[in-house]
Amino acid sequence: MTLRERLDERRAAVCDRWLDAVLAEYGALTASRWRREQDAFANPVGHALRTGLPALLEAVLAGGDLAGAAEPLEPIVRIRSVQGLAPSRAVAFVFRLRDAIRGELGVEPAGAGEGAALAEIDGRIEQLALLAFDAYVRLRDQMHRIRQEELRRSVASIVRRWNGVLPEPSTDLVTLRVGGVEAPPSPPVARGQAPLPGPRAPGVIDPR
């Protein structure tokens, strides 16, 4: 029986080992809870791992192009990209598959042929890790752009509520000097609105 055939027979056991290893990163209590909870909305991390890891193992064992692994890989990496993990730690779950395989089959391969097959699988796991890193970088950039756009919209909304109009682009960086005292420019005046009183120089009495 070849190594791949042995792994095919024990695929469920390998996935269980892999899932346990990844969940253990979150602590024993959290891992136990995510192991039990089956609902995808109550447990998105556990659901993504339970559905994604078997598909990733299938892609590794199938041979050929790993492009098909991108679809099951993305939900897992997307979750880990928003958990504040370092990039190396965010994609380290892929390498835990090597430990799961060796833990299930034994550390030492049985013969040179099995050793070569195991080395080939290790190489495919490394390729999968590179795909995971590319996905992580892309998703983090996407998340940063979304946050910047949300911040820009929030600031623009606050300015509109305060002034009634958007500020002129040229006024937000201008500083007026009145009697040697720096003061920010007056906010722009909306149509039909009386101008706000401006700053007074020291010692000048307002005739109003």
N, C-alpha and C. Protein backbone atom coordinates (compact mmCIF):
# COMPACT_ATOMS: atom_id res chain seq x y z
N MET A 1 0.84 -1.20 0.00
CA MET A 1 0.00 0.00 0.00
C MET A 1 0.88 1.24 0.00
N THR A 2 0.59 2.17 -0.90
CA THR A 2 1.40 3.38 -1.00
C THR A 2 1.03 4.36 0.11
N LEU A 3 1.88 5.38 0.24
CA LEU A 3 1.64 6.40 1.26
C LEU A 3 0.32 7.12 1.01
N ARG A 4 0.05 7.45 -0.23
CA ARG A 4 -1.19 8.16 -0.54
C ARG A 4 -2.41 7.29 -0.22
N GLU A 5 -2.32 6.01 -0.50
CA GLU A 5 -3.42 5.11 -0.18
C GLU A 5 -3.64 5.03 1.33
N ARG A 6 -2.55 5.00 2.08
CA ARG A 6 -2.67 4.98 3.54
C ARG A 6 -3.32 6.27 4.05
N LEU A 7 -2.92 7.38 3.45
CA LEU A 7 -3.50 8.65 3.86
C LEU A 7 -4.96 8.75 3.45
N ASP A 8 -5.30 8.20 2.30
CA ASP A 8 -6.71 8.20 1.89
C ASP A 8 -7.57 7.44 2.89
N GLU A 9 -7.06 6.33 3.39
CA GLU A 9 -7.80 5.54 4.36
C GLU A 9 -7.97 6.28 5.69
N ARG A 10 -6.97 7.08 6.03
CA ARG A 10 -6.98 7.75 7.34
C ARG A 10 -7.23 9.25 7.21
N ARG A 11 -7.86 9.64 6.14
CA ARG A 11 -8.05 11.07 5.88
C ARG A 11 -8.83 11.75 7.00
N ALA A 12 -9.89 11.13 7.47
CA ALA A 12 -10.69 11.74 8.54
C ALA A 12 -9.87 11.91 9.81
N ALA A 13 -9.03 10.90 10.13
CA ALA A 13 -8.21 10.98 11.34
C ALA A 13 -7.15 12.08 11.20
N VAL A 14 -6.57 12.21 10.00
CA VAL A 14 -5.58 13.28 9.77
C VAL A 14 -6.23 14.65 9.93
N CYS A 15 -7.44 14.82 9.38
CA CYS A 15 -8.14 16.11 9.51
C CYS A 15 -8.47 16.42 10.96
N ASP A 16 -8.84 15.40 11.72
CA ASP A 16 -9.13 15.61 13.14
C ASP A 16 -7.88 16.08 13.88
N ARG A 17 -6.76 15.46 13.59
CA ARG A 17 -5.50 15.89 14.22
C ARG A 17 -5.15 17.32 13.82
N TRP A 18 -5.34 17.61 12.56
CA TRP A 18 -5.03 18.95 12.05
C TRP A 18 -5.94 19.99 12.71
N LEU A 19 -7.23 19.69 12.77
CA LEU A 19 -8.18 20.61 13.40
C LEU A 19 -7.85 20.84 14.86
N ASP A 20 -7.53 19.78 15.59
CA ASP A 20 -7.19 19.92 17.00
C ASP A 20 -5.95 20.80 17.19
N ALA A 21 -4.97 20.62 16.31
CA ALA A 21 -3.73 21.40 16.42
C ALA A 21 -3.99 22.88 16.18
N VAL A 22 -4.84 23.20 15.19
CA VAL A 22 -5.12 24.61 14.89
C VAL A 22 -5.96 25.24 15.99
N LEU A 23 -6.99 24.52 16.46
CA LEU A 23 -7.84 25.07 17.51
C LEU A 23 -7.06 25.25 18.81
N ALA A 24 -6.05 24.43 19.05
CA ALA A 24 -5.27 24.54 20.28
C ALA A 24 -4.56 25.88 20.39
N GLU A 25 -4.36 26.56 19.27
CA GLU A 25 -3.72 27.88 19.30
C GLU A 25 -4.55 28.89 20.09
N TYR A 26 -5.85 28.66 20.18
CA TYR A 26 -6.76 29.61 20.82
C TYR A 26 -6.99 29.30 22.30
N GLY A 27 -6.33 28.29 22.82
CA GLY A 27 -6.50 27.93 24.22
C GLY A 27 -7.46 26.75 24.37
N ALA A 28 -7.29 26.00 25.47
CA ALA A 28 -8.05 24.77 25.66
C ALA A 28 -9.55 25.02 25.77
N LEU A 29 -9.96 26.06 26.52
CA LEU A 29 -11.38 26.33 26.72
C LEU A 29 -12.05 26.72 25.42
N THR A 30 -11.42 27.65 24.68
CA THR A 30 -11.99 28.09 23.41
C THR A 30 -12.01 26.95 22.41
N ALA A 31 -10.93 26.17 22.38
CA ALA A 31 -10.86 25.05 21.44
C ALA A 31 -11.98 24.05 21.70
N SER A 32 -12.23 23.77 22.96
CA SER A 32 -13.29 22.82 23.31
C SER A 32 -14.66 23.35 22.89
N ARG A 33 -14.89 24.64 23.10
CA ARG A 33 -16.18 25.21 22.73
C ARG A 33 -16.36 25.22 21.22
N TRP A 34 -15.33 25.61 20.49
CA TRP A 34 -15.42 25.65 19.03
C TRP A 34 -15.49 24.25 18.43
N ARG A 35 -14.96 23.26 19.16
CA ARG A 35 -15.06 21.87 18.70
C ARG A 35 -16.50 21.38 18.78
N ARG A 36 -17.22 21.80 19.83
CA ARG A 36 -18.59 21.32 20.05
C ARG A 36 -19.61 22.08 19.20
N GLU A 37 -19.44 23.39 19.10
CA GLU A 37 -20.44 24.22 18.43
C GLU A 37 -20.40 23.99 16.91
N GLN A 38 -21.54 23.59 16.35
CA GLN A 38 -21.62 23.26 14.93
C GLN A 38 -22.22 24.38 14.09
N ASP A 39 -22.87 25.35 14.75
CA ASP A 39 -23.54 26.41 14.00
C ASP A 39 -22.52 27.37 13.37
N ALA A 40 -22.70 27.63 12.07
CA ALA A 40 -21.73 28.46 11.35
C ALA A 40 -21.74 29.91 11.83
N PHE A 41 -22.90 30.41 12.29
CA PHE A 41 -22.97 31.81 12.73
C PHE A 41 -22.44 31.96 14.15
N ALA A 42 -22.71 30.99 15.00
CA ALA A 42 -22.21 31.06 16.38
C ALA A 42 -20.73 30.71 16.46
N ASN A 43 -20.24 29.98 15.48
CA ASN A 43 -18.85 29.51 15.52
C ASN A 43 -18.24 29.59 14.12
N PRO A 44 -18.00 30.80 13.60
CA PRO A 44 -17.45 30.92 12.24
C PRO A 44 -16.06 30.34 12.10
N VAL A 45 -15.24 30.44 13.15
CA VAL A 45 -13.87 29.91 13.06
C VAL A 45 -13.90 28.39 12.95
N GLY A 46 -14.62 27.75 13.85
CA GLY A 46 -14.70 26.30 13.81
C GLY A 46 -15.32 25.80 12.52
N HIS A 47 -16.36 26.50 12.05
CA HIS A 47 -17.02 26.08 10.81
C HIS A 47 -16.08 26.20 9.62
N ALA A 48 -15.34 27.30 9.53
CA ALA A 48 -14.42 27.49 8.41
C ALA A 48 -13.33 26.42 8.42
N LEU A 49 -12.86 26.05 9.60
CA LEU A 49 -11.82 25.03 9.69
C LEU A 49 -12.37 23.64 9.37
N ARG A 50 -13.54 23.33 9.90
CA ARG A 50 -14.12 21.99 9.67
C ARG A 50 -14.43 21.76 8.20
N THR A 51 -14.87 22.80 7.49
CA THR A 51 -15.20 22.64 6.08
C THR A 51 -13.99 22.84 5.17
N GLY A 52 -13.04 23.68 5.62
CA GLY A 52 -11.91 23.99 4.75
C GLY A 52 -10.75 23.01 4.82
N LEU A 53 -10.43 22.50 6.01
CA LEU A 53 -9.26 21.63 6.14
C LEU A 53 -9.38 20.34 5.33
N PRO A 54 -10.53 19.64 5.32
CA PRO A 54 -10.62 18.44 4.48
C PRO A 54 -10.41 18.75 3.00
N ALA A 55 -10.93 19.89 2.53
CA ALA A 55 -10.74 20.26 1.13
C ALA A 55 -9.28 20.58 0.83
N LEU A 56 -8.59 21.20 1.78
CA LEU A 56 -7.17 21.49 1.60
C LEU A 56 -6.34 20.21 1.60
N LEU A 57 -6.68 19.28 2.47
CA LEU A 57 -5.98 17.99 2.47
C LEU A 57 -6.19 17.27 1.15
N GLU A 58 -7.40 17.32 0.63
CA GLU A 58 -7.70 16.70 -0.65
C GLU A 58 -6.84 17.31 -1.75
N ALA A 59 -6.69 18.64 -1.75
CA ALA A 59 -5.89 19.31 -2.77
C ALA A 59 -4.42 18.91 -2.66
N VAL A 60 -3.93 18.76 -1.43
CA VAL A 60 -2.53 18.37 -1.24
C VAL A 60 -2.29 16.95 -1.73
N LEU A 61 -3.20 16.04 -1.44
CA LEU A 61 -3.02 14.63 -1.80
C LEU A 61 -3.32 14.36 -3.27
N ALA A 62 -4.11 15.23 -3.90
CA ALA A 62 -4.54 14.96 -5.28
C ALA A 62 -3.41 15.11 -6.28
N GLY A 63 -2.39 15.90 -5.98
CA GLY A 63 -1.35 16.16 -6.95
C GLY A 63 -1.79 17.22 -7.94
N GLY A 64 -0.88 17.61 -8.81
CA GLY A 64 -1.22 18.61 -9.81
C GLY A 64 -1.26 20.01 -9.25
N ASP A 65 -1.99 20.89 -9.94
CA ASP A 65 -2.06 22.29 -9.58
C ASP A 65 -2.83 22.49 -8.28
N LEU A 66 -2.33 23.39 -7.46
CA LEU A 66 -3.00 23.69 -6.19
C LEU A 66 -3.97 24.86 -6.30
N ALA A 67 -4.26 25.30 -7.52
CA ALA A 67 -5.16 26.45 -7.68
C ALA A 67 -6.53 26.17 -7.09
N GLY A 68 -6.94 24.91 -7.10
CA GLY A 68 -8.25 24.58 -6.54
C GLY A 68 -8.33 24.76 -5.04
N ALA A 69 -7.17 24.92 -4.38
CA ALA A 69 -7.16 25.11 -2.93
C ALA A 69 -7.50 26.54 -2.54
N ALA A 70 -7.51 27.47 -3.50
CA ALA A 70 -7.74 28.87 -3.17
C ALA A 70 -9.12 29.10 -2.56
N GLU A 71 -10.13 28.40 -3.06
CA GLU A 71 -11.50 28.62 -2.57
C GLU A 71 -11.68 28.19 -1.11
N PRO A 72 -11.28 26.97 -0.72
CA PRO A 72 -11.42 26.61 0.70
C PRO A 72 -10.41 27.32 1.59
N LEU A 73 -9.32 27.81 1.01
CA LEU A 73 -8.29 28.47 1.82
C LEU A 73 -8.71 29.87 2.24
N GLU A 74 -9.41 30.58 1.37
CA GLU A 74 -9.70 31.99 1.62
C GLU A 74 -10.52 32.24 2.89
N PRO A 75 -11.62 31.50 3.16
CA PRO A 75 -12.38 31.79 4.39
C PRO A 75 -11.55 31.65 5.65
N ILE A 76 -10.63 30.66 5.68
CA ILE A 76 -9.79 30.48 6.86
C ILE A 76 -8.83 31.65 7.02
N VAL A 77 -8.18 32.01 5.93
CA VAL A 77 -7.20 33.11 5.98
C VAL A 77 -7.90 34.43 6.26
N ARG A 78 -9.12 34.61 5.73
CA ARG A 78 -9.85 35.85 5.98
C ARG A 78 -10.11 36.05 7.47
N ILE A 79 -10.50 34.98 8.15
CA ILE A 79 -10.74 35.07 9.58
C ILE A 79 -9.46 35.37 10.33
N ARG A 80 -8.39 34.70 9.96
CA ARG A 80 -7.12 34.90 10.67
C ARG A 80 -6.50 36.26 10.35
N SER A 81 -6.86 36.86 9.23
CA SER A 81 -6.31 38.16 8.87
C SER A 81 -6.89 39.28 9.73
N VAL A 82 -8.05 39.06 10.36
CA VAL A 82 -8.66 40.10 11.20
C VAL A 82 -8.47 39.80 12.69
N GLN A 83 -7.71 38.78 13.02
CA GLN A 83 -7.51 38.40 14.42
C GLN A 83 -6.27 39.03 15.04
N GLY A 84 -5.60 39.91 14.31
CA GLY A 84 -4.43 40.58 14.85
C GLY A 84 -3.21 39.69 14.96
N LEU A 85 -3.15 38.61 14.18
CA LEU A 85 -2.01 37.70 14.23
C LEU A 85 -0.89 38.21 13.33
N ALA A 86 0.33 37.92 13.72
CA ALA A 86 1.46 38.20 12.84
C ALA A 86 1.33 37.37 11.58
N PRO A 87 1.83 37.84 10.44
CA PRO A 87 1.68 37.07 9.19
C PRO A 87 2.19 35.65 9.30
N SER A 88 3.32 35.45 9.96
CA SER A 88 3.87 34.10 10.09
C SER A 88 2.94 33.19 10.87
N ARG A 89 2.33 33.74 11.92
CA ARG A 89 1.42 32.94 12.73
C ARG A 89 0.08 32.72 12.02
N ALA A 90 -0.33 33.69 11.22
CA ALA A 90 -1.61 33.58 10.54
C ALA A 90 -1.63 32.44 9.53
N VAL A 91 -0.47 32.15 8.92
CA VAL A 91 -0.41 31.08 7.91
C VAL A 91 0.23 29.81 8.46
N ALA A 92 0.63 29.83 9.72
CA ALA A 92 1.31 28.66 10.29
C ALA A 92 0.41 27.45 10.39
N PHE A 93 -0.92 27.66 10.36
CA PHE A 93 -1.83 26.51 10.46
C PHE A 93 -1.62 25.53 9.32
N VAL A 94 -1.13 26.00 8.17
CA VAL A 94 -0.90 25.11 7.03
C VAL A 94 0.17 24.08 7.38
N PHE A 95 1.24 24.51 8.04
CA PHE A 95 2.34 23.60 8.35
C PHE A 95 1.96 22.56 9.40
N ARG A 96 0.89 22.81 10.13
CA ARG A 96 0.47 21.82 11.12
C ARG A 96 -0.06 20.55 10.46
N LEU A 97 -0.33 20.63 9.18
CA LEU A 97 -0.74 19.43 8.45
C LEU A 97 0.40 18.42 8.41
N ARG A 98 1.62 18.88 8.33
CA ARG A 98 2.76 17.95 8.31
C ARG A 98 2.81 17.15 9.61
N ASP A 99 2.61 17.84 10.73
CA ASP A 99 2.62 17.13 12.01
C ASP A 99 1.46 16.16 12.11
N ALA A 100 0.29 16.56 11.58
CA ALA A 100 -0.88 15.68 11.64
C ALA A 100 -0.64 14.41 10.83
N ILE A 101 -0.01 14.54 9.67
CA ILE A 101 0.27 13.37 8.83
C ILE A 101 1.27 12.46 9.52
N ARG A 102 2.32 13.02 10.07
CA ARG A 102 3.33 12.20 10.74
C ARG A 102 2.78 11.58 12.02
N GLY A 103 1.92 12.32 12.71
CA GLY A 103 1.34 11.77 13.92
C GLY A 103 0.42 10.59 13.63
N GLU A 104 -0.21 10.60 12.48
CA GLU A 104 -1.13 9.52 12.12
C GLU A 104 -0.40 8.32 11.51
N LEU A 105 0.64 8.58 10.71
CA LEU A 105 1.33 7.49 10.00
C LEU A 105 2.59 7.03 10.70
N GLY A 106 3.10 7.83 11.63
CA GLY A 106 4.39 7.51 12.24
C GLY A 106 5.43 8.49 11.74
N VAL A 107 6.38 8.81 12.59
CA VAL A 107 7.37 9.83 12.26
C VAL A 107 8.28 9.36 11.14
N GLU A 108 8.72 8.12 11.17
CA GLU A 108 9.67 7.63 10.19
C GLU A 108 8.94 6.96 9.03
N PRO A 109 9.22 7.36 7.77
CA PRO A 109 8.59 6.70 6.62
C PRO A 109 9.09 5.27 6.46
N ALA A 110 8.24 4.43 5.94
CA ALA A 110 8.57 3.01 5.76
C ALA A 110 9.23 2.82 4.39
N GLY A 111 10.53 2.98 4.33
CA GLY A 111 11.26 2.75 3.09
C GLY A 111 11.51 4.03 2.32
N ALA A 112 12.43 3.88 1.30
CA ALA A 112 12.82 5.05 0.51
C ALA A 112 11.67 5.58 -0.33
N GLY A 113 10.85 4.66 -0.87
CA GLY A 113 9.74 5.11 -1.70
C GLY A 113 8.75 5.95 -0.91
N GLU A 114 8.43 5.52 0.28
CA GLU A 114 7.51 6.28 1.11
C GLU A 114 8.13 7.59 1.57
N GLY A 115 9.46 7.56 1.80
CA GLY A 115 10.14 8.80 2.18
C GLY A 115 10.06 9.83 1.06
N ALA A 116 10.22 9.39 -0.20
CA ALA A 116 10.13 10.32 -1.33
C ALA A 116 8.72 10.86 -1.47
N ALA A 117 7.72 9.99 -1.27
CA ALA A 117 6.33 10.43 -1.36
C ALA A 117 5.99 11.44 -0.27
N LEU A 118 6.54 11.20 0.93
CA LEU A 118 6.29 12.13 2.03
C LEU A 118 6.97 13.47 1.77
N ALA A 119 8.17 13.45 1.18
CA ALA A 119 8.85 14.69 0.84
C ALA A 119 8.06 15.48 -0.21
N GLU A 120 7.44 14.76 -1.14
CA GLU A 120 6.62 15.43 -2.16
C GLU A 120 5.41 16.10 -1.51
N ILE A 121 4.80 15.41 -0.58
CA ILE A 121 3.66 16.00 0.12
C ILE A 121 4.09 17.22 0.93
N ASP A 122 5.26 17.12 1.57
CA ASP A 122 5.77 18.28 2.31
C ASP A 122 5.96 19.47 1.39
N GLY A 123 6.46 19.22 0.17
CA GLY A 123 6.64 20.31 -0.79
C GLY A 123 5.32 20.95 -1.18
N ARG A 124 4.29 20.14 -1.32
CA ARG A 124 2.98 20.68 -1.67
C ARG A 124 2.38 21.47 -0.50
N ILE A 125 2.67 21.04 0.71
CA ILE A 125 2.22 21.80 1.89
C ILE A 125 2.90 23.16 1.92
N GLU A 126 4.17 23.22 1.57
CA GLU A 126 4.88 24.50 1.51
C GLU A 126 4.29 25.40 0.44
N GLN A 127 3.91 24.83 -0.72
CA GLN A 127 3.25 25.63 -1.75
C GLN A 127 1.92 26.17 -1.26
N LEU A 128 1.20 25.34 -0.52
CA LEU A 128 -0.07 25.79 0.05
C LEU A 128 0.14 26.94 1.03
N ALA A 129 1.22 26.87 1.80
CA ALA A 129 1.52 27.96 2.74
C ALA A 129 1.81 29.26 2.00
N LEU A 130 2.47 29.17 0.85
CA LEU A 130 2.74 30.38 0.06
C LEU A 130 1.43 30.97 -0.48
N LEU A 131 0.52 30.10 -0.92
CA LEU A 131 -0.79 30.58 -1.35
C LEU A 131 -1.53 31.26 -0.20
N ALA A 132 -1.41 30.68 0.99
CA ALA A 132 -2.06 31.27 2.16
C ALA A 132 -1.46 32.64 2.48
N PHE A 133 -0.15 32.78 2.34
CA PHE A 133 0.48 34.07 2.62
C PHE A 133 0.04 35.12 1.61
N ASP A 134 -0.02 34.75 0.32
CA ASP A 134 -0.50 35.69 -0.70
C ASP A 134 -1.93 36.14 -0.38
N ALA A 135 -2.78 35.18 0.01
CA ALA A 135 -4.17 35.53 0.34
C ALA A 135 -4.22 36.44 1.56
N TYR A 136 -3.36 36.18 2.55
CA TYR A 136 -3.33 36.99 3.76
C TYR A 136 -2.98 38.45 3.42
N VAL A 137 -1.94 38.65 2.62
CA VAL A 137 -1.52 40.01 2.25
C VAL A 137 -2.64 40.72 1.50
N ARG A 138 -3.26 40.02 0.55
CA ARG A 138 -4.33 40.63 -0.24
C ARG A 138 -5.52 41.01 0.65
N LEU A 139 -5.90 40.13 1.55
CA LEU A 139 -7.06 40.39 2.40
C LEU A 139 -6.78 41.49 3.42
N ARG A 140 -5.55 41.54 3.93
CA ARG A 140 -5.19 42.62 4.86
C ARG A 140 -5.22 43.97 4.16
N ASP A 141 -4.70 44.04 2.93
CA ASP A 141 -4.75 45.29 2.16
C ASP A 141 -6.19 45.70 1.91
N GLN A 142 -7.02 44.73 1.58
CA GLN A 142 -8.43 45.02 1.34
C GLN A 142 -9.09 45.55 2.60
N MET A 143 -8.79 44.97 3.73
CA MET A 143 -9.37 45.41 4.99
C MET A 143 -8.93 46.84 5.33
N HIS A 144 -7.65 47.15 5.11
CA HIS A 144 -7.16 48.50 5.39
C HIS A 144 -7.83 49.53 4.49
N ARG A 145 -8.04 49.19 3.21
CA ARG A 145 -8.72 50.13 2.31
C ARG A 145 -10.15 50.37 2.75
N ILE A 146 -10.83 49.32 3.20
CA ILE A 146 -12.20 49.48 3.67
C ILE A 146 -12.25 50.38 4.90
N ARG A 147 -11.31 50.17 5.84
CA ARG A 147 -11.29 51.00 7.05
C ARG A 147 -10.99 52.45 6.73
N GLN A 148 -10.06 52.70 5.78
CA GLN A 148 -9.76 54.06 5.40
C GLN A 148 -10.95 54.74 4.76
N GLU A 149 -11.68 54.00 3.93
CA GLU A 149 -12.86 54.57 3.27
C GLU A 149 -13.95 54.86 4.30
N GLU A 150 -14.13 53.97 5.28
CA GLU A 150 -15.11 54.21 6.33
C GLU A 150 -14.74 55.44 7.14
N LEU A 151 -13.45 55.61 7.46
CA LEU A 151 -13.00 56.78 8.21
C LEU A 151 -13.22 58.05 7.41
N ARG A 152 -12.92 58.00 6.11
CA ARG A 152 -13.11 59.17 5.28
C ARG A 152 -14.58 59.58 5.24
N ARG A 153 -15.48 58.59 5.09
CA ARG A 153 -16.90 58.90 5.06
C ARG A 153 -17.39 59.44 6.40
N SER A 154 -16.85 58.88 7.50
CA SER A 154 -17.27 59.35 8.82
C SER A 154 -16.86 60.80 9.05
N VAL A 155 -15.63 61.14 8.68
CA VAL A 155 -15.16 62.51 8.85
C VAL A 155 -15.96 63.47 7.99
N ALA A 156 -16.22 63.08 6.74
CA ALA A 156 -16.99 63.94 5.85
C ALA A 156 -18.40 64.15 6.39
N SER A 157 -18.99 63.11 6.97
CA SER A 157 -20.34 63.23 7.52
C SER A 157 -20.35 64.17 8.72
N ILE A 158 -19.34 64.08 9.58
CA ILE A 158 -19.26 64.96 10.75
C ILE A 158 -19.12 66.41 10.31
N VAL A 159 -18.28 66.65 9.31
CA VAL A 159 -18.06 68.02 8.84
C VAL A 159 -19.34 68.58 8.23
N ARG A 160 -20.07 67.76 7.47
CA ARG A 160 -21.32 68.24 6.87
C ARG A 160 -22.35 68.59 7.94
N ARG A 161 -22.43 67.75 8.99
CA ARG A 161 -23.40 68.04 10.05
C ARG A 161 -23.04 69.30 10.82
N TRP A 162 -21.74 69.54 10.97
CA TRP A 162 -21.30 70.71 11.74
C TRP A 162 -21.48 72.00 10.95
N ASN A 163 -21.14 71.98 9.67
CA ASN A 163 -21.13 73.19 8.84
C ASN A 163 -22.36 73.34 7.97
N GLY A 164 -22.99 72.27 7.67
CA GLY A 164 -24.08 72.32 6.71
C GLY A 164 -23.63 72.16 5.28
N VAL A 165 -22.31 72.35 5.05
CA VAL A 165 -21.73 72.17 3.71
C VAL A 165 -20.37 71.55 3.88
N LEU A 166 -19.82 71.04 2.83
CA LEU A 166 -18.44 70.54 2.85
C LEU A 166 -17.48 71.72 2.86
N PRO A 167 -16.39 71.66 3.59
CA PRO A 167 -15.43 72.77 3.61
C PRO A 167 -14.72 72.90 2.28
N GLU A 168 -14.35 74.13 1.97
CA GLU A 168 -13.55 74.37 0.78
C GLU A 168 -12.19 73.70 0.94
N PRO A 169 -11.68 73.03 -0.11
CA PRO A 169 -10.41 72.31 0.02
C PRO A 169 -9.26 73.21 0.44
N SER A 170 -9.32 74.52 0.06
CA SER A 170 -8.18 75.39 0.33
C SER A 170 -8.18 75.97 1.73
N THR A 171 -9.25 75.80 2.50
CA THR A 171 -9.33 76.46 3.79
C THR A 171 -8.92 75.59 4.95
N ASP A 172 -8.84 74.26 4.74
CA ASP A 172 -8.59 73.41 5.89
C ASP A 172 -7.16 73.47 6.37
N LEU A 173 -6.24 74.03 5.55
CA LEU A 173 -4.85 74.12 5.98
C LEU A 173 -4.40 75.56 6.20
N VAL A 174 -5.32 76.53 6.09
CA VAL A 174 -4.97 77.94 6.23
C VAL A 174 -5.09 78.35 7.69
N THR A 175 -4.17 79.16 8.16
CA THR A 175 -4.23 79.71 9.52
C THR A 175 -4.21 81.23 9.43
N LEU A 176 -5.17 81.86 10.07
CA LEU A 176 -5.23 83.33 10.09
C LEU A 176 -4.46 83.86 11.28
N ARG A 177 -3.83 85.00 11.09
CA ARG A 177 -3.12 85.66 12.18
C ARG A 177 -3.84 86.98 12.46
N VAL A 178 -4.35 87.15 13.68
CA VAL A 178 -5.07 88.35 14.07
C VAL A 178 -4.37 88.94 15.29
N GLY A 179 -3.78 90.09 15.13
CA GLY A 179 -3.10 90.73 16.24
C GLY A 179 -2.00 89.87 16.81
N GLY A 180 -1.31 89.10 15.97
CA GLY A 180 -0.21 88.27 16.45
C GLY A 180 -0.67 86.95 17.03
N VAL A 181 -2.00 86.68 17.04
CA VAL A 181 -2.54 85.45 17.60
C VAL A 181 -3.03 84.57 16.47
N GLU A 182 -2.55 83.32 16.45
CA GLU A 182 -2.99 82.41 15.42
C GLU A 182 -4.39 81.89 15.75
N ALA A 183 -5.23 81.85 14.73
CA ALA A 183 -6.58 81.33 14.90
C ALA A 183 -6.95 80.54 13.67
N PRO A 184 -7.70 79.48 13.82
CA PRO A 184 -8.12 78.71 12.65
C PRO A 184 -9.10 79.50 11.82
N PRO A 185 -9.22 79.21 10.53
CA PRO A 185 -10.16 79.95 9.69
C PRO A 185 -11.59 79.67 10.12
N SER A 186 -12.45 80.64 9.84
CA SER A 186 -13.86 80.45 10.15
C SER A 186 -14.43 79.36 9.25
N PRO A 187 -15.37 78.58 9.75
CA PRO A 187 -15.98 77.55 8.91
C PRO A 187 -16.73 78.19 7.76
N PRO A 188 -16.81 77.53 6.62
CA PRO A 188 -17.53 78.10 5.48
C PRO A 188 -19.00 78.33 5.81
N VAL A 189 -19.56 79.32 5.16
CA VAL A 189 -20.93 79.71 5.43
C VAL A 189 -21.84 79.05 4.42
N ALA A 190 -22.87 78.38 4.92
CA ALA A 190 -23.84 77.76 4.03
C ALA A 190 -24.72 78.84 3.41
N ARG A 191 -25.32 78.51 2.27
CA ARG A 191 -26.18 79.47 1.59
C ARG A 191 -27.36 79.85 2.50
N GLY A 192 -27.59 81.16 2.64
CA GLY A 192 -28.69 81.64 3.46
C GLY A 192 -28.37 81.73 4.94
N GLN A 193 -27.13 81.42 5.31
CA GLN A 193 -26.75 81.43 6.73
C GLN A 193 -25.92 82.67 7.01
N ALA A 194 -26.18 83.34 8.13
CA ALA A 194 -25.41 84.52 8.51
C ALA A 194 -24.01 84.11 8.89
N PRO A 195 -23.01 84.91 8.52
CA PRO A 195 -21.62 84.55 8.88
C PRO A 195 -21.43 84.57 10.38
N LEU A 196 -20.59 83.65 10.86
CA LEU A 196 -20.28 83.60 12.28
C LEU A 196 -19.31 84.70 12.63
N PRO A 197 -19.38 85.25 13.86
CA PRO A 197 -18.42 86.30 14.26
C PRO A 197 -17.02 85.74 14.26
N GLY A 198 -16.09 86.50 13.71
CA GLY A 198 -14.70 86.06 13.64
C GLY A 198 -13.95 86.40 14.91
N PRO A 199 -12.68 86.00 15.01
CA PRO A 199 -11.88 86.30 16.20
C PRO A 199 -11.51 87.77 16.27
N ARG A 200 -11.38 88.28 17.48
CA ARG A 200 -11.00 89.68 17.68
C ARG A 200 -9.54 89.77 18.09
N ALA A 201 -8.90 90.81 17.64
CA ALA A 201 -7.52 91.05 18.07
C ALA A 201 -7.52 91.49 19.52
N PRO A 202 -6.46 91.16 20.26
CA PRO A 202 -6.39 91.57 21.67
C PRO A 202 -6.51 93.08 21.82
N GLY A 203 -7.34 93.51 22.77
CA GLY A 203 -7.49 94.94 23.07
C GLY A 203 -8.48 95.65 22.18
N VAL A 204 -9.08 94.97 21.22
CA VAL A 204 -10.05 95.62 20.33
C VAL A 204 -11.45 95.34 20.85
N ILE A 205 -12.21 96.41 21.02
CA ILE A 205 -13.59 96.26 21.54
C ILE A 205 -14.51 95.99 20.37
N ASP A 206 -15.33 95.00 20.52
CA ASP A 206 -16.30 94.66 19.49
C ASP A 206 -17.41 95.69 19.52
N PRO A 207 -17.60 96.48 18.44
CA PRO A 207 -18.63 97.54 18.47
C PRO A 207 -20.03 96.95 18.53
N ARG A 208 -20.17 95.60 18.27
CA ARG A 208 -21.50 95.03 18.34
C ARG A 208 -21.89 94.79 19.77
